[in-house]
PDB file of all heavy atoms in Angstrom:
ATOM      1  N   ARG A   1      50.170  38.061   5.385  1.00  0.00           N
ATOM      2  CA  ARG A   1      49.643  38.102   6.745  1.00  0.00           C
ATOM      3  C   ARG A   1      50.701  38.583   7.710  1.00  0.00           C
ATOM      4  O   ARG A   1      50.440  39.335   8.643  1.00  0.00           O
ATOM      5  CB  ARG A   1      49.150  36.706   7.147  1.00  0.00           C
ATOM      6  CG  ARG A   1      47.876  36.273   6.440  1.00  0.00           C
ATOM      7  CD  ARG A   1      47.318  35.014   7.096  1.00  0.00           C
ATOM      8  NE  ARG A   1      46.172  34.488   6.359  1.00  0.00           N
ATOM      9  CZ  ARG A   1      46.237  33.520   5.471  1.00  0.00           C
ATOM     10  NH1 ARG A   1      47.407  32.919   5.230  1.00  0.00           N
ATOM     11  NH2 ARG A   1      45.145  33.105   4.848  1.00  0.00           N
ATOM     12  N   SER A   2      51.980  38.134   7.470  1.00  0.00           N
ATOM     13  CA  SER A   2      53.046  38.510   8.401  1.00  0.00           C
ATOM     14  C   SER A   2      53.386  39.978   8.295  1.00  0.00           C
ATOM     15  O   SER A   2      53.827  40.600   9.261  1.00  0.00           O
ATOM     16  CB  SER A   2      54.299  37.661   8.125  1.00  0.00           C
ATOM     17  OG  SER A   2      54.777  37.939   6.816  1.00  0.00           O
ATOM     18  N   THR A   3      53.178  40.607   7.120  1.00  0.00           N
ATOM     19  CA  THR A   3      53.507  42.036   6.940  1.00  0.00           C
ATOM     20  C   THR A   3      52.300  42.918   7.153  1.00  0.00           C
ATOM     21  O   THR A   3      52.419  44.139   7.173  1.00  0.00           O
ATOM     22  CB  THR A   3      54.020  42.282   5.519  1.00  0.00           C
ATOM     23  OG1 THR A   3      53.030  41.844   4.578  1.00  0.00           O
ATOM     24  CG2 THR A   3      55.312  41.554   5.284  1.00  0.00           C
ATOM     25  N   GLY A   4      51.134  42.389   7.286  1.00  0.00           N
ATOM     26  CA  GLY A   4      49.908  43.161   7.518  1.00  0.00           C
ATOM     27  C   GLY A   4      49.269  43.686   6.280  1.00  0.00           C
ATOM     28  O   GLY A   4      48.247  44.367   6.336  1.00  0.00           O
ATOM     29  N   ASP A   5      49.852  43.458   5.063  1.00  0.00           N
ATOM     30  CA  ASP A   5      49.284  43.980   3.804  1.00  0.00           C
ATOM     31  C   ASP A   5      48.315  42.978   3.232  1.00  0.00           C
ATOM     32  O   ASP A   5      48.617  42.194   2.342  1.00  0.00           O
ATOM     33  CB  ASP A   5      50.389  44.240   2.770  1.00  0.00           C
ATOM     34  CG  ASP A   5      51.302  45.360   3.235  1.00  0.00           C
ATOM     35  OD1 ASP A   5      50.795  46.210   4.009  1.00  0.00           O
ATOM     36  OD2 ASP A   5      52.470  45.386   2.819  1.00  0.00           O
ATOM     37  N   VAL A   6      47.120  42.942   3.786  1.00  0.00           N
ATOM     38  CA  VAL A   6      46.109  42.025   3.327  1.00  0.00           C
ATOM     39  C   VAL A   6      45.321  42.663   2.211  1.00  0.00           C
ATOM     40  O   VAL A   6      44.996  43.849   2.294  1.00  0.00           O
ATOM     41  CB  VAL A   6      45.173  41.647   4.484  1.00  0.00           C
ATOM     42  CG1 VAL A   6      44.099  40.658   4.020  1.00  0.00           C
ATOM     43  CG2 VAL A   6      45.983  41.072   5.618  1.00  0.00           C
ATOM     44  N   PRO A   7      45.045  41.954   1.123  1.00  0.00           N
ATOM     45  CA  PRO A   7      44.281  42.544   0.012  1.00  0.00           C
ATOM     46  C   PRO A   7      42.985  43.143   0.488  1.00  0.00           C
ATOM     47  O   PRO A   7      42.294  42.576   1.338  1.00  0.00           O
ATOM     48  CB  PRO A   7      44.033  41.362  -0.926  1.00  0.00           C
ATOM     49  CG  PRO A   7      45.128  40.398  -0.610  1.00  0.00           C
ATOM     50  CD  PRO A   7      45.393  40.535   0.842  1.00  0.00           C
ATOM     51  N   ALA A   8      42.662  44.354  -0.044  1.00  0.00           N
ATOM     52  CA  ALA A   8      41.449  45.058   0.373  1.00  0.00           C
ATOM     53  C   ALA A   8      40.236  44.382  -0.211  1.00  0.00           C
ATOM     54  O   ALA A   8      40.296  43.748  -1.264  1.00  0.00           O
ATOM     55  CB  ALA A   8      41.507  46.503  -0.103  1.00  0.00           C
ATOM     56  N   ASP A   9      39.098  44.602   0.440  1.00  0.00           N
ATOM     57  CA  ASP A   9      37.876  44.031  -0.078  1.00  0.00           C
ATOM     58  C   ASP A   9      37.334  44.898  -1.210  1.00  0.00           C
ATOM     59  O   ASP A   9      37.865  45.970  -1.528  1.00  0.00           O
ATOM     60  CB  ASP A   9      36.840  43.878   1.039  1.00  0.00           C
ATOM     61  CG  ASP A   9      36.589  45.207   1.745  1.00  0.00           C
ATOM     62  OD1 ASP A   9      36.916  46.283   1.142  1.00  0.00           O
ATOM     63  OD2 ASP A   9      36.076  45.203   2.871  1.00  0.00           O
ATOM     64  N   ALA A  10      36.251  44.473  -1.853  1.00  0.00           N
ATOM     65  CA  ALA A  10      35.694  45.167  -3.025  1.00  0.00           C
ATOM     66  C   ALA A  10      35.235  46.573  -2.687  1.00  0.00           C
ATOM     67  O   ALA A  10      35.383  47.511  -3.472  1.00  0.00           O
ATOM     68  CB  ALA A  10      34.531  44.345  -3.587  1.00  0.00           C
ATOM     69  N   GLU A  11      34.665  46.795  -1.536  1.00  0.00           N
ATOM     70  CA  GLU A  11      34.168  48.141  -1.135  1.00  0.00           C
ATOM     71  C   GLU A  11      35.315  49.123  -1.025  1.00  0.00           C
ATOM     72  O   GLU A  11      35.221  50.265  -1.463  1.00  0.00           O
ATOM     73  CB  GLU A  11      33.430  48.013   0.191  1.00  0.00           C
ATOM     74  CG  GLU A  11      32.834  49.345   0.655  1.00  0.00           C
ATOM     75  CD  GLU A  11      32.062  49.183   1.956  1.00  0.00           C
ATOM     76  OE1 GLU A  11      31.885  48.034   2.400  1.00  0.00           O
ATOM     77  OE2 GLU A  11      31.631  50.210   2.491  1.00  0.00           O
ATOM     78  N   THR A  12      36.425  48.638  -0.440  1.00  0.00           N
ATOM     79  CA  THR A  12      37.585  49.526  -0.299  1.00  0.00           C
ATOM     80  C   THR A  12      38.149  49.902  -1.660  1.00  0.00           C
ATOM     81  O   THR A  12      38.511  51.047  -1.923  1.00  0.00           O
ATOM     82  CB  THR A  12      38.660  48.834   0.539  1.00  0.00           C
ATOM     83  OG1 THR A  12      38.109  48.528   1.825  1.00  0.00           O
ATOM     84  CG2 THR A  12      39.870  49.734   0.699  1.00  0.00           C
ATOM     85  N   VAL A  13      38.220  48.887  -2.538  1.00  0.00           N
ATOM     86  CA  VAL A  13      38.755  49.149  -3.877  1.00  0.00           C
ATOM     87  C   VAL A  13      37.878  50.152  -4.609  1.00  0.00           C
ATOM     88  O   VAL A  13      38.363  51.087  -5.265  1.00  0.00           O
ATOM     89  CB  VAL A  13      38.845  47.836  -4.677  1.00  0.00           C
ATOM     90  CG1 VAL A  13      39.187  48.128  -6.128  1.00  0.00           C
ATOM     91  CG2 VAL A  13      39.883  46.913  -4.044  1.00  0.00           C
ATOM     92  N   ALA A  14      36.561  50.044  -4.513  1.00  0.00           N
ATOM     93  CA  ALA A  14      35.644  50.965  -5.188  1.00  0.00           C
ATOM     94  C   ALA A  14      35.828  52.383  -4.669  1.00  0.00           C
ATOM     95  O   ALA A  14      35.803  53.362  -5.428  1.00  0.00           O
ATOM     96  CB  ALA A  14      34.204  50.482  -4.994  1.00  0.00           C
ATOM     97  N   ALA A  15      36.021  52.525  -3.339  1.00  0.00           N
ATOM     98  CA  ALA A  15      36.211  53.866  -2.756  1.00  0.00           C
ATOM     99  C   ALA A  15      37.498  54.482  -3.265  1.00  0.00           C
ATOM    100  O   ALA A  15      37.554  55.675  -3.567  1.00  0.00           O
ATOM    101  CB  ALA A  15      36.212  53.756  -1.234  1.00  0.00           C
ATOM    102  N   ASP A  16      38.559  53.639  -3.349  1.00  0.00           N
ATOM    103  CA  ASP A  16      39.840  54.156  -3.856  1.00  0.00           C
ATOM    104  C   ASP A  16      39.713  54.620  -5.306  1.00  0.00           C
ATOM    105  O   ASP A  16      40.258  55.662  -5.706  1.00  0.00           O
ATOM    106  CB  ASP A  16      40.912  53.068  -3.765  1.00  0.00           C
ATOM    107  CG  ASP A  16      41.316  52.808  -2.310  1.00  0.00           C
ATOM    108  OD1 ASP A  16      41.022  53.683  -1.458  1.00  0.00           O
ATOM    109  OD2 ASP A  16      41.915  51.747  -2.045  1.00  0.00           O
ATOM    110  N   VAL A  17      38.993  53.842  -6.121  1.00  0.00           N
ATOM    111  CA  VAL A  17      38.808  54.222  -7.522  1.00  0.00           C
ATOM    112  C   VAL A  17      38.037  55.533  -7.633  1.00  0.00           C
ATOM    113  O   VAL A  17      38.355  56.426  -8.434  1.00  0.00           O
ATOM    114  CB  VAL A  17      38.078  53.093  -8.279  1.00  0.00           C
ATOM    115  CG1 VAL A  17      37.671  53.569  -9.693  1.00  0.00           C
ATOM    116  CG2 VAL A  17      38.962  51.857  -8.369  1.00  0.00           C
ATOM    117  N   ALA A  18      37.024  55.715  -6.804  1.00  0.00           N
ATOM    118  CA  ALA A  18      36.233  56.947  -6.834  1.00  0.00           C
ATOM    119  C   ALA A  18      37.084  58.146  -6.456  1.00  0.00           C
ATOM    120  O   ALA A  18      37.002  59.216  -7.071  1.00  0.00           O
ATOM    121  CB  ALA A  18      35.029  56.804  -5.885  1.00  0.00           C
ATOM    122  N   ARG A  19      37.933  57.978  -5.432  1.00  0.00           N
ATOM    123  CA  ARG A  19      38.807  59.097  -5.032  1.00  0.00           C
ATOM    124  C   ARG A  19      39.786  59.438  -6.156  1.00  0.00           C
ATOM    125  O   ARG A  19      40.086  60.602  -6.428  1.00  0.00           O
ATOM    126  CB  ARG A  19      39.559  58.714  -3.756  1.00  0.00           C
ATOM    127  CG  ARG A  19      38.704  58.804  -2.494  1.00  0.00           C
ATOM    128  CD  ARG A  19      39.584  58.767  -1.250  1.00  0.00           C
ATOM    129  NE  ARG A  19      40.319  57.509  -1.135  1.00  0.00           N
ATOM    130  CZ  ARG A  19      39.821  56.407  -0.532  1.00  0.00           C
ATOM    131  NH1 ARG A  19      38.594  56.420  -0.008  1.00  0.00           N
ATOM    132  NH2 ARG A  19      40.544  55.299  -0.472  1.00  0.00           N
ATOM    133  N   GLY A  20      40.299  58.412  -6.832  1.00  0.00           N
ATOM    134  CA  GLY A  20      41.227  58.654  -7.940  1.00  0.00           C
ATOM    135  C   GLY A  20      40.571  59.421  -9.075  1.00  0.00           C
ATOM    136  O   GLY A  20      41.159  60.340  -9.655  1.00  0.00           O
ATOM    137  N   ARG A  21      39.355  58.987  -9.398  1.00  0.00           N
ATOM    138  CA  ARG A  21      38.651  59.696 -10.466  1.00  0.00           C
ATOM    139  C   ARG A  21      38.369  61.161 -10.089  1.00  0.00           C
ATOM    140  O   ARG A  21      38.478  62.071 -10.905  1.00  0.00           O
ATOM    141  CB  ARG A  21      37.343  58.972 -10.790  1.00  0.00           C
ATOM    142  CG  ARG A  21      37.547  57.646 -11.508  1.00  0.00           C
ATOM    143  CD  ARG A  21      36.227  56.967 -11.743  1.00  0.00           C
ATOM    144  NE  ARG A  21      36.421  55.736 -12.507  1.00  0.00           N
ATOM    145  CZ  ARG A  21      35.427  54.871 -12.778  1.00  0.00           C
ATOM    146  NH1 ARG A  21      34.177  55.124 -12.324  1.00  0.00           N
ATOM    147  NH2 ARG A  21      35.661  53.769 -13.468  1.00  0.00           N
ATOM    148  N   GLY A  22      37.993  61.380  -8.836  1.00  0.00           N
ATOM    149  CA  GLY A  22      37.730  62.752  -8.383  1.00  0.00           C
ATOM    150  C   GLY A  22      38.970  63.617  -8.490  1.00  0.00           C
ATOM    151  O   GLY A  22      38.916  64.770  -8.933  1.00  0.00           O
ATOM    152  N   ALA A  23      40.123  63.066  -8.081  1.00  0.00           N
ATOM    153  CA  ALA A  23      41.379  63.837  -8.177  1.00  0.00           C
ATOM    154  C   ALA A  23      41.723  64.142  -9.623  1.00  0.00           C
ATOM    155  O   ALA A  23      42.187  65.234  -9.959  1.00  0.00           O
ATOM    156  CB  ALA A  23      42.506  63.038  -7.509  1.00  0.00           C
ATOM    157  N   LEU A  24      41.491  63.160 -10.523  1.00  0.00           N
ATOM    158  CA  LEU A  24      41.781  63.356 -11.937  1.00  0.00           C
ATOM    159  C   LEU A  24      40.910  64.457 -12.524  1.00  0.00           C
ATOM    160  O   LEU A  24      41.378  65.323 -13.275  1.00  0.00           O
ATOM    161  CB  LEU A  24      41.554  62.041 -12.694  1.00  0.00           C
ATOM    162  CG  LEU A  24      41.795  62.102 -14.215  1.00  0.00           C
ATOM    163  CD1 LEU A  24      43.231  62.491 -14.523  1.00  0.00           C
ATOM    164  CD2 LEU A  24      41.483  60.728 -14.837  1.00  0.00           C
ATOM    165  N   LEU A  25      39.621  64.460 -12.149  1.00  0.00           N
ATOM    166  CA  LEU A  25      38.719  65.506 -12.649  1.00  0.00           C
ATOM    167  C   LEU A  25      39.132  66.885 -12.156  1.00  0.00           C
ATOM    168  O   LEU A  25      39.075  67.876 -12.887  1.00  0.00           O
ATOM    169  CB  LEU A  25      37.274  65.191 -12.222  1.00  0.00           C
ATOM    170  CG  LEU A  25      36.605  63.996 -12.916  1.00  0.00           C
ATOM    171  CD1 LEU A  25      35.221  63.732 -12.305  1.00  0.00           C
ATOM    172  CD2 LEU A  25      36.466  64.255 -14.416  1.00  0.00           C
ATOM    173  N   ARG A  26      39.565  66.980 -10.907  1.00  0.00           N
ATOM    174  CA  ARG A  26      39.988  68.283 -10.364  1.00  0.00           C
ATOM    175  C   ARG A  26      41.212  68.804 -11.109  1.00  0.00           C
ATOM    176  O   ARG A  26      41.318  69.995 -11.406  1.00  0.00           O
ATOM    177  CB  ARG A  26      40.268  68.155  -8.869  1.00  0.00           C
ATOM    178  CG  ARG A  26      39.002  68.067  -8.019  1.00  0.00           C
ATOM    179  CD  ARG A  26      39.322  68.272  -6.546  1.00  0.00           C
ATOM    180  NE  ARG A  26      40.171  67.213  -6.008  1.00  0.00           N
ATOM    181  CZ  ARG A  26      39.706  66.055  -5.515  1.00  0.00           C
ATOM    182  NH1 ARG A  26      38.392  65.813  -5.514  1.00  0.00           N
ATOM    183  NH2 ARG A  26      40.537  65.145  -5.044  1.00  0.00           N
ATOM    184  N   ARG A  27      42.172  67.901 -11.431  1.00  0.00           N
ATOM    185  CA  ARG A  27      43.365  68.326 -12.169  1.00  0.00           C
ATOM    186  C   ARG A  27      42.992  68.814 -13.568  1.00  0.00           C
ATOM    187  O   ARG A  27      43.537  69.798 -14.069  1.00  0.00           O
ATOM    188  CB  ARG A  27      44.355  67.156 -12.252  1.00  0.00           C
ATOM    189  CG  ARG A  27      45.086  66.900 -10.931  1.00  0.00           C
ATOM    190  CD  ARG A  27      46.304  66.040 -11.170  1.00  0.00           C
ATOM    191  NE  ARG A  27      45.962  64.706 -11.674  1.00  0.00           N
ATOM    192  CZ  ARG A  27      45.702  63.653 -10.889  1.00  0.00           C
ATOM    193  NH1 ARG A  27      45.740  63.787  -9.572  1.00  0.00           N
ATOM    194  NH2 ARG A  27      45.408  62.495 -11.431  1.00  0.00           N
ATOM    195  N   ARG A  28      42.061  68.096 -14.208  1.00  0.00           N
ATOM    196  CA  ARG A  28      41.640  68.513 -15.541  1.00  0.00           C
ATOM    197  C   ARG A  28      40.974  69.887 -15.507  1.00  0.00           C
ATOM    198  O   ARG A  28      41.200  70.739 -16.381  1.00  0.00           O
ATOM    199  CB  ARG A  28      40.684  67.487 -16.150  1.00  0.00           C
ATOM    200  CG  ARG A  28      41.376  66.197 -16.558  1.00  0.00           C
ATOM    201  CD  ARG A  28      40.398  65.193 -17.116  1.00  0.00           C
ATOM    202  NE  ARG A  28      41.074  63.997 -17.586  1.00  0.00           N
ATOM    203  CZ  ARG A  28      40.429  62.914 -18.042  1.00  0.00           C
ATOM    204  NH1 ARG A  28      39.082  62.907 -18.067  1.00  0.00           N
ATOM    205  NH2 ARG A  28      41.104  61.862 -18.442  1.00  0.00           N
ATOM    206  N   ARG A  29      40.115  70.144 -14.488  1.00  0.00           N
ATOM    207  CA  ARG A  29      39.453  71.443 -14.379  1.00  0.00           C
ATOM    208  C   ARG A  29      40.472  72.559 -14.175  1.00  0.00           C
ATOM    209  O   ARG A  29      40.344  73.663 -14.718  1.00  0.00           O
ATOM    210  CB  ARG A  29      38.426  71.418 -13.236  1.00  0.00           C
ATOM    211  CG  ARG A  29      37.125  70.702 -13.589  1.00  0.00           C
ATOM    212  CD  ARG A  29      36.040  71.056 -12.589  1.00  0.00           C
ATOM    213  NE  ARG A  29      36.346  70.556 -11.247  1.00  0.00           N
ATOM    214  CZ  ARG A  29      35.948  69.360 -10.798  1.00  0.00           C
ATOM    215  NH1 ARG A  29      35.247  68.554 -11.592  1.00  0.00           N
ATOM    216  NH2 ARG A  29      36.259  68.973  -9.580  1.00  0.00           N
ATOM    217  N   ARG A  30      41.501  72.278 -13.381  1.00  0.00           N
ATOM    218  CA  ARG A  30      42.534  73.286 -13.151  1.00  0.00           C
ATOM    219  C   ARG A  30      43.287  73.610 -14.441  1.00  0.00           C
ATOM    220  O   ARG A  30      43.617  74.757 -14.738  1.00  0.00           O
ATOM    221  CB  ARG A  30      43.504  72.803 -12.056  1.00  0.00           C
ATOM    222  CG  ARG A  30      42.922  72.933 -10.651  1.00  0.00           C
ATOM    223  CD  ARG A  30      44.038  72.844  -9.617  1.00  0.00           C
ATOM    224  NE  ARG A  30      44.648  71.527  -9.583  1.00  0.00           N
ATOM    225  CZ  ARG A  30      44.258  70.527  -8.794  1.00  0.00           C
ATOM    226  NH1 ARG A  30      43.226  70.703  -7.976  1.00  0.00           N
ATOM    227  NH2 ARG A  30      44.873  69.367  -8.832  1.00  0.00           N
ATOM    228  N   ARG A  31      43.565  72.544 -15.242  1.00  0.00           N
ATOM    229  CA  ARG A  31      44.268  72.777 -16.507  1.00  0.00           C
ATOM    230  C   ARG A  31      43.414  73.623 -17.478  1.00  0.00           C
ATOM    231  O   ARG A  31      43.887  74.537 -18.139  1.00  0.00           O
ATOM    232  CB  ARG A  31      44.649  71.457 -17.161  1.00  0.00           C
ATOM    233  CG  ARG A  31      45.836  70.779 -16.485  1.00  0.00           C
ATOM    234  CD  ARG A  31      46.440  69.748 -17.406  1.00  0.00           C
ATOM    235  NE  ARG A  31      45.508  68.654 -17.710  1.00  0.00           N
ATOM    236  CZ  ARG A  31      45.407  67.541 -16.992  1.00  0.00           C
ATOM    237  NH1 ARG A  31      46.181  67.366 -15.927  1.00  0.00           N
ATOM    238  NH2 ARG A  31      44.551  66.605 -17.340  1.00  0.00           N
ATOM    239  N   VAL A  32      42.096  73.297 -17.543  1.00  0.00           N
ATOM    240  CA  VAL A  32      41.191  74.046 -18.418  1.00  0.00           C
ATOM    241  C   VAL A  32      41.097  75.498 -17.982  1.00  0.00           C
ATOM    242  O   VAL A  32      41.138  76.434 -18.785  1.00  0.00           O
ATOM    243  CB  VAL A  32      39.798  73.383 -18.443  1.00  0.00           C
ATOM    244  CG1 VAL A  32      38.799  74.278 -19.177  1.00  0.00           C
ATOM    245  CG2 VAL A  32      39.878  72.010 -19.104  1.00  0.00           C
ATOM    246  N   ALA A  33      40.992  75.729 -16.678  1.00  0.00           N
ATOM    247  CA  ALA A  33      40.909  77.100 -16.165  1.00  0.00           C
ATOM    248  C   ALA A  33      42.176  77.874 -16.479  1.00  0.00           C
ATOM    249  O   ALA A  33      42.148  79.056 -16.826  1.00  0.00           O
ATOM    250  CB  ALA A  33      40.659  77.064 -14.648  1.00  0.00           C
ATOM    251  N   GLY A  34      43.333  77.204 -16.351  1.00  0.00           N
ATOM    252  CA  GLY A  34      44.605  77.868 -16.654  1.00  0.00           C
ATOM    253  C   GLY A  34      44.701  78.267 -18.112  1.00  0.00           C
ATOM    254  O   GLY A  34      45.127  79.368 -18.460  1.00  0.00           O
ATOM    255  N   VAL A  35      44.290  77.362 -19.018  1.00  0.00           N
ATOM    256  CA  VAL A  35      44.322  77.660 -20.450  1.00  0.00           C
ATOM    257  C   VAL A  35      43.390  78.817 -20.772  1.00  0.00           C
ATOM    258  O   VAL A  35      43.715  79.727 -21.548  1.00  0.00           O
ATOM    259  CB  VAL A  35      43.935  76.407 -21.263  1.00  0.00           C
ATOM    260  CG1 VAL A  35      43.754  76.771 -22.734  1.00  0.00           C
ATOM    261  CG2 VAL A  35      45.013  75.332 -21.103  1.00  0.00           C
ATOM    262  N   ALA A  36      42.214  78.866 -20.160  1.00  0.00           N
ATOM    263  CA  ALA A  36      41.257  79.949 -20.407  1.00  0.00           C
ATOM    264  C   ALA A  36      41.820  81.280 -19.947  1.00  0.00           C
ATOM    265  O   ALA A  36      41.657  82.319 -20.599  1.00  0.00           O
ATOM    266  CB  ALA A  36      39.933  79.644 -19.687  1.00  0.00           C
ATOM    267  N   ALA A  37      42.503  81.275 -18.793  1.00  0.00           N
ATOM    268  CA  ALA A  37      43.086  82.519 -18.289  1.00  0.00           C
ATOM    269  C   ALA A  37      44.159  83.039 -19.224  1.00  0.00           C
ATOM    270  O   ALA A  37      44.242  84.233 -19.503  1.00  0.00           O
ATOM    271  CB  ALA A  37      43.673  82.276 -16.886  1.00  0.00           C
ATOM    272  N   VAL A  38      44.998  82.132 -19.722  1.00  0.00           N
ATOM    273  CA  VAL A  38      46.049  82.539 -20.663  1.00  0.00           C
ATOM    274  C   VAL A  38      45.429  83.117 -21.923  1.00  0.00           C
ATOM    275  O   VAL A  38      45.882  84.135 -22.461  1.00  0.00           O
ATOM    276  CB  VAL A  38      46.960  81.338 -20.999  1.00  0.00           C
ATOM    277  CG1 VAL A  38      47.909  81.702 -22.150  1.00  0.00           C
ATOM    278  CG2 VAL A  38      47.754  80.926 -19.760  1.00  0.00           C
ATOM    279  N   ALA A  39      44.361  82.473 -22.422  1.00  0.00           N
ATOM    280  CA  ALA A  39      43.702  82.963 -23.627  1.00  0.00           C
ATOM    281  C   ALA A  39      43.098  84.339 -23.397  1.00  0.00           C
ATOM    282  O   ALA A  39      43.152  85.217 -24.257  1.00  0.00           O
ATOM    283  CB  ALA A  39      42.611  81.974 -24.067  1.00  0.00           C
ATOM    284  N   ALA A  40      42.529  84.562 -22.213  1.00  0.00           N
ATOM    285  CA  ALA A  40      41.933  85.866 -21.902  1.00  0.00           C
ATOM    286  C   ALA A  40      42.986  86.947 -21.870  1.00  0.00           C
ATOM    287  O   ALA A  40      42.805  88.054 -22.385  1.00  0.00           O
ATOM    288  CB  ALA A  40      41.192  85.788 -20.568  1.00  0.00           C
ATOM    289  N   VAL A  41      44.131  86.667 -21.225  1.00  0.00           N
ATOM    290  CA  VAL A  41      45.224  87.648 -21.170  1.00  0.00           C
ATOM    291  C   VAL A  41      45.724  87.976 -22.570  1.00  0.00           C
ATOM    292  O   VAL A  41      45.988  89.125 -22.912  1.00  0.00           O
ATOM    293  CB  VAL A  41      46.377  87.115 -20.301  1.00  0.00           C
ATOM    294  CG1 VAL A  41      47.600  88.033 -20.420  1.00  0.00           C
ATOM    295  CG2 VAL A  41      45.921  87.028 -18.846  1.00  0.00           C
ATOM    296  N   ALA A  42      45.862  86.942 -23.423  1.00  0.00           N
ATOM    297  CA  ALA A  42      46.326  87.163 -24.793  1.00  0.00           C
ATOM    298  C   ALA A  42      45.338  88.031 -25.559  1.00  0.00           C
ATOM    299  O   ALA A  42      45.727  88.905 -26.337  1.00  0.00           O
ATOM    300  CB  ALA A  42      46.527  85.822 -25.500  1.00  0.00           C
TER     301      ALA A  42
END
């Protein structure tokens, strides 16, 4: 309470998890696209 870092409620935690999953999916798509481009050049 004195530092202001109060545990988030369930809704906040769910939103954070959704954003994390979205970022993870975007990174995976970028990696797949990069591998496909390399294969095409080869």
